[in-house]
């Protein structure tokens, strides 16, 4: 049998769905809704992380991803894509400069951008100046992500591994929400990985890793498209904005086939 459910958004995140799913499963098996019932399954959109967590809490096992399995029309998304398309050939990387301040404040003050970041939305020019002069400049490698030479985000590599600081780097990036879902991040990540390995930013660089909040599905898809491998979930790994967060670890190695063949 296939399970389906829908609940008013007012009651999301309050445990209602989990309780209901557990009860339905119990009733289905105990009352033998089908004479030989052995299995109850549920299909969930890969972007519907909330429903995925409900099913896991209710005892369901995640079996895998059915790629391109359902087609769901979303006219709003289609029209926005056409209207806001980006010429990816105009994307470039360069050092972040103080003259970028006004552009930097556009995305550092955006609540949507800050959701999965360590910082809260900026509210002053002083915070933007501090970011450029004292945060970005202190990273091992940091570049402004530019569209027509205007800074729409930034990308960085930092050495944080306590095990071997000469062999691995951690990737981080942030892009203005106006440019999400347009291929910008994927193009940038691919370019950064190529630069890091070909220019040997570390003498013995073998690994680039990225940590992504389990709820940040968009960023996870960017990394997968850029050739990163999903390694697993680090439970309650980061304490961010008053809450312990599960993080997904991604990595790409210099020996991965898609890199060594280029």
Protein backbone atom coordinates (compact mmCIF):
# COMPACT_ATOMS: atom_id res chain seq x y z
CA UNK A 1 0.00 0.00 0.00
CA UNK A 2 1.09 3.58 -0.60
CA UNK A 3 0.79 6.15 2.18
CA UNK A 4 -0.20 9.73 1.50
CA UNK A 5 -1.04 12.60 3.82
CA UNK A 6 -1.56 16.35 3.87
CA UNK A 7 -1.77 18.68 6.89
CA UNK A 8 -2.50 22.38 7.22
CA UNK A 9 0.71 24.42 7.31
CA UNK A 10 -0.32 25.90 10.66
CA UNK A 11 0.42 22.47 12.20
CA UNK A 12 3.71 21.70 10.45
CA UNK A 13 6.67 20.95 12.70
CA UNK A 14 4.52 20.19 15.73
CA UNK A 15 4.70 16.40 15.66
CA UNK A 16 1.17 15.94 14.30
CA UNK A 17 2.18 14.18 11.09
CA UNK A 18 4.56 11.79 12.88
CA UNK A 19 1.88 10.72 15.36
CA UNK A 20 -0.65 10.23 12.57
CA UNK A 21 1.70 8.20 10.36
CA UNK A 22 2.67 5.91 13.25
CA UNK A 23 -1.00 5.28 14.06
CA UNK A 24 -1.93 4.61 10.43
CA UNK A 25 0.90 2.08 10.08
CA UNK A 26 -0.15 0.34 13.28
CA UNK A 27 -3.78 0.16 12.19
CA UNK A 28 -2.92 -1.03 8.68
CA UNK A 29 -0.81 -3.95 9.89
CA UNK A 30 -2.87 -4.91 12.94
CA UNK A 31 -6.22 -4.80 11.12
CA UNK A 32 -4.75 -6.32 7.94
CA UNK A 33 -6.21 -3.76 5.55
CA UNK A 34 -5.05 -6.17 2.85
CA UNK A 35 -5.05 -9.94 3.48
CA UNK A 36 -1.31 -10.36 2.91
CA UNK A 37 -0.09 -6.85 3.68
CA UNK A 38 3.68 -6.76 4.14
CA UNK A 39 4.74 -3.33 2.96
CA UNK A 40 3.65 0.31 3.19
CA UNK A 41 5.58 2.77 1.04
CA UNK A 42 5.60 6.52 0.60
CA UNK A 43 6.95 8.71 -2.19
CA UNK A 44 8.21 12.18 -1.23
CA UNK A 45 9.61 14.98 -3.38
CA UNK A 46 13.37 15.29 -2.85
CA UNK A 47 12.82 18.95 -1.89
CA UNK A 48 10.21 18.09 0.75
CA UNK A 49 12.69 17.58 3.58
CA UNK A 50 10.02 18.06 6.27
CA UNK A 51 7.97 15.11 5.06
CA UNK A 52 11.09 12.98 4.72
CA UNK A 53 11.92 13.59 8.37
CA UNK A 54 8.35 12.74 9.40
CA UNK A 55 8.61 9.34 7.74
CA UNK A 56 12.03 8.63 9.25
CA UNK A 57 10.74 9.51 12.73
CA UNK A 58 7.76 7.23 12.14
CA UNK A 59 10.07 4.30 11.43
CA UNK A 60 10.18 4.28 7.63
CA UNK A 61 13.46 3.40 5.91
CA UNK A 62 14.84 5.59 3.12
CA UNK A 63 15.37 3.22 0.18
CA UNK A 64 16.72 5.58 -2.47
CA UNK A 65 15.92 8.26 -5.04
CA UNK A 66 13.75 7.63 -8.11
CA UNK A 67 15.23 10.11 -10.57
CA UNK A 68 12.83 12.14 -12.74
CA UNK A 69 10.03 9.91 -11.47
CA UNK A 70 7.18 12.44 -11.38
CA UNK A 71 6.49 15.52 -13.45
CA UNK A 72 4.90 18.39 -11.55
CA UNK A 73 4.03 21.54 -13.43
CA UNK A 74 4.85 24.85 -11.74
CA UNK A 75 3.95 27.73 -14.09
CA UNK A 76 5.22 30.35 -11.62
CA UNK A 77 8.72 28.86 -11.57
CA UNK A 78 8.80 28.56 -15.36
CA UNK A 79 7.92 32.19 -15.99
CA UNK A 80 10.46 33.41 -13.40
CA UNK A 81 13.20 31.30 -15.01
CA UNK A 82 12.63 32.88 -18.41
CA UNK A 83 12.44 36.37 -16.98
CA UNK A 84 15.51 36.10 -14.74
CA UNK A 85 17.85 33.91 -16.78
CA UNK A 86 21.59 34.57 -16.39
CA UNK A 87 24.26 34.52 -19.10
CA UNK A 88 26.71 32.21 -17.34
CA UNK A 89 29.54 33.27 -19.65
CA UNK A 90 29.48 36.61 -17.81
CA UNK A 91 30.23 34.99 -14.44
CA UNK A 92 33.79 35.62 -13.21
CA UNK A 93 35.84 35.35 -10.02
CA UNK A 94 38.14 38.03 -8.63
CA UNK A 95 39.35 39.31 -5.23
CA UNK A 96 36.72 41.03 -3.10
CA UNK A 97 37.37 44.76 -2.79
CA UNK A 98 36.08 47.57 -0.57
CA UNK A 99 34.53 49.15 -3.67
CA UNK A 100 32.16 46.14 -3.73
CA UNK A 101 30.56 47.24 -0.46
CA UNK A 102 27.16 48.25 -1.85
CA UNK A 103 26.86 45.00 -3.81
CA UNK A 104 28.00 42.94 -0.82
CA UNK A 105 25.33 44.52 1.38
CA UNK A 106 22.62 43.38 -1.05
CA UNK A 107 23.19 39.69 -0.25
CA UNK A 108 24.59 39.93 3.29
CA UNK A 109 21.43 41.76 4.37
CA UNK A 110 19.12 39.19 2.71
CA UNK A 111 17.28 37.03 5.28
CA UNK A 112 16.95 34.15 2.82
CA UNK A 113 20.69 34.12 2.19
CA UNK A 114 21.52 34.21 5.92
CA UNK A 115 19.23 31.28 6.79
CA UNK A 116 21.97 28.64 6.57
CA UNK A 117 24.90 30.97 7.31
CA UNK A 118 26.63 31.50 10.65
CA UNK A 119 25.79 35.20 10.56
CA UNK A 120 22.50 37.10 10.86
CA UNK A 121 21.48 39.53 8.09
CA UNK A 122 23.71 42.60 8.09
CA UNK A 123 22.08 45.90 8.95
CA UNK A 124 24.92 48.41 8.55
CA UNK A 125 27.77 49.38 6.23
CA UNK A 126 30.20 48.79 9.10
CA UNK A 127 29.32 45.09 9.09
CA UNK A 128 29.90 44.94 5.34
CA UNK A 129 33.27 46.65 5.65
CA UNK A 130 34.26 44.25 8.44
CA UNK A 131 33.29 41.29 6.24
CA UNK A 132 35.47 42.48 3.37
CA UNK A 133 38.46 43.63 5.43
CA UNK A 134 38.55 41.22 8.37
CA UNK A 135 36.63 38.06 7.43
CA UNK A 136 36.96 37.38 3.70
CA UNK A 137 40.56 38.62 3.62
CA UNK A 138 41.60 36.19 6.38
CA UNK A 139 40.45 33.08 4.52
CA UNK A 140 43.03 30.91 2.78
CA UNK A 141 41.41 31.72 -0.58
CA UNK A 142 38.37 33.93 -1.24
CA UNK A 143 36.91 35.42 -4.41
CA UNK A 144 33.95 37.58 -5.28
CA UNK A 145 31.43 35.86 -7.57
CA UNK A 146 30.77 38.50 -10.20
CA UNK A 147 28.15 39.01 -12.89
CA UNK A 148 29.31 41.73 -15.28
CA UNK A 149 31.96 42.51 -12.62
CA UNK A 150 29.32 43.18 -9.93
CA UNK A 151 29.76 41.08 -6.77
CA UNK A 152 26.65 38.88 -6.41
CA UNK A 153 28.25 36.54 -3.87
CA UNK A 154 31.54 35.05 -2.76
CA UNK A 155 33.27 31.67 -2.67
CA UNK A 156 36.05 30.53 -0.37
CA UNK A 157 38.40 27.70 0.50
CA UNK A 158 39.70 27.32 4.03
CA UNK A 159 41.99 24.90 5.79
CA UNK A 160 40.07 23.54 8.78
CA UNK A 161 40.93 19.87 8.96
CA UNK A 162 42.69 19.07 12.22
CA UNK A 163 43.92 15.78 10.76
CA UNK A 164 45.96 17.00 7.81
CA UNK A 165 45.96 20.70 6.95
CA UNK A 166 48.15 20.23 3.89
CA UNK A 167 45.88 17.77 2.08
CA UNK A 168 42.31 19.07 2.40
CA UNK A 169 40.32 22.29 2.06
CA UNK A 170 36.76 23.21 2.98
CA UNK A 171 34.59 24.91 0.37
CA UNK A 172 32.10 27.62 1.26
CA UNK A 173 29.98 29.89 -0.91
CA UNK A 174 27.14 32.37 -0.69
CA UNK A 175 25.11 33.89 -3.54
CA UNK A 176 22.36 36.48 -3.60
CA UNK A 177 18.93 34.81 -3.57
CA UNK A 178 18.02 36.56 -6.83
CA UNK A 179 20.48 34.23 -8.58
CA UNK A 180 19.50 30.94 -6.95
CA UNK A 181 18.47 28.10 -9.25
CA UNK A 182 20.06 29.63 -12.34
CA UNK A 183 23.21 27.52 -12.58
CA UNK A 184 25.52 30.21 -11.17
CA UNK A 185 26.62 28.27 -8.08
CA UNK A 186 27.28 25.07 -10.05
CA UNK A 187 29.47 26.89 -12.59
CA UNK A 188 31.40 28.61 -9.79
CA UNK A 189 31.95 25.45 -7.74
CA UNK A 190 33.23 23.54 -10.78
CA UNK A 191 35.67 26.37 -11.58
CA UNK A 192 36.93 26.62 -8.00
CA UNK A 193 37.55 22.87 -7.80
CA UNK A 194 39.52 22.99 -11.05
CA UNK A 195 41.58 25.97 -9.88
CA UNK A 196 42.26 24.41 -6.47
CA UNK A 197 43.61 21.15 -7.89
CA UNK A 198 45.43 22.51 -10.96
CA UNK A 199 47.10 25.39 -9.11
CA UNK A 200 47.78 23.24 -6.03
CA UNK A 201 46.52 25.75 -3.46
CA UNK A 202 47.99 23.33 -0.92
CA UNK A 203 51.20 21.39 -1.71
CA UNK A 204 49.59 17.95 -1.30
CA UNK A 205 45.93 18.80 -1.91
CA UNK A 206 43.85 15.65 -2.36
CA UNK A 207 40.42 16.52 -0.99
CA UNK A 208 37.91 19.39 -1.03
CA UNK A 209 34.95 18.99 1.29
CA UNK A 210 31.76 20.93 1.95
CA UNK A 211 29.33 20.80 4.87
CA UNK A 212 25.69 21.60 4.09
CA UNK A 213 22.70 21.85 6.40
CA UNK A 214 20.44 18.83 5.89
CA UNK A 215 17.58 21.22 5.11
CA UNK A 216 19.55 23.13 2.48
CA UNK A 217 18.54 20.91 -0.44
CA UNK A 218 19.41 23.51 -3.06
CA UNK A 219 23.04 23.66 -2.02
CA UNK A 220 23.22 19.87 -1.87
CA UNK A 221 22.05 19.67 -5.47
CA UNK A 222 24.66 22.24 -6.53
CA UNK A 223 27.46 20.11 -5.08
CA UNK A 224 26.13 16.92 -6.67
CA UNK A 225 25.93 18.62 -10.09
CA UNK A 226 29.49 19.88 -9.60
CA UNK A 227 30.76 16.33 -9.09
CA UNK A 228 30.90 16.10 -5.30
CA UNK A 229 30.05 12.81 -3.58
CA UNK A 230 27.59 12.73 -0.69
CA UNK A 231 29.41 10.92 2.13
CA UNK A 232 26.80 10.93 4.90
CA UNK A 233 24.99 12.89 7.58
CA UNK A 234 26.77 14.23 10.66
CA UNK A 235 24.01 14.34 13.27
CA UNK A 236 23.76 17.43 15.51
CA UNK A 237 27.18 18.45 14.17
CA UNK A 238 26.84 22.24 14.24
CA UNK A 239 25.17 24.47 16.82
CA UNK A 240 23.80 27.34 14.77
CA UNK A 241 21.43 30.11 15.80
CA UNK A 242 20.33 28.36 18.97
CA UNK A 243 19.82 24.92 17.47
CA UNK A 244 21.93 21.79 16.90
CA UNK A 245 21.89 21.06 13.16
CA UNK A 246 22.40 17.89 11.15
CA UNK A 247 24.95 18.46 8.39
CA UNK A 248 25.60 16.57 5.15
CA UNK A 249 29.24 15.98 4.26
CA UNK A 250 30.22 16.20 0.59
CA UNK A 251 33.67 15.77 -0.93
CA UNK A 252 35.57 15.64 -4.19
CA UNK A 253 39.01 14.04 -4.54
CA UNK A 254 41.79 14.84 -6.99
CA UNK A 255 41.65 11.18 -8.05
CA UNK A 256 37.91 11.12 -8.80
CA UNK A 257 37.36 9.82 -12.37
CA UNK A 258 35.58 12.92 -13.69
CA UNK A 259 38.57 15.05 -12.62
CA UNK A 260 41.43 12.79 -13.58
CA UNK A 261 39.96 12.33 -17.06
CA UNK A 262 39.96 16.09 -17.79
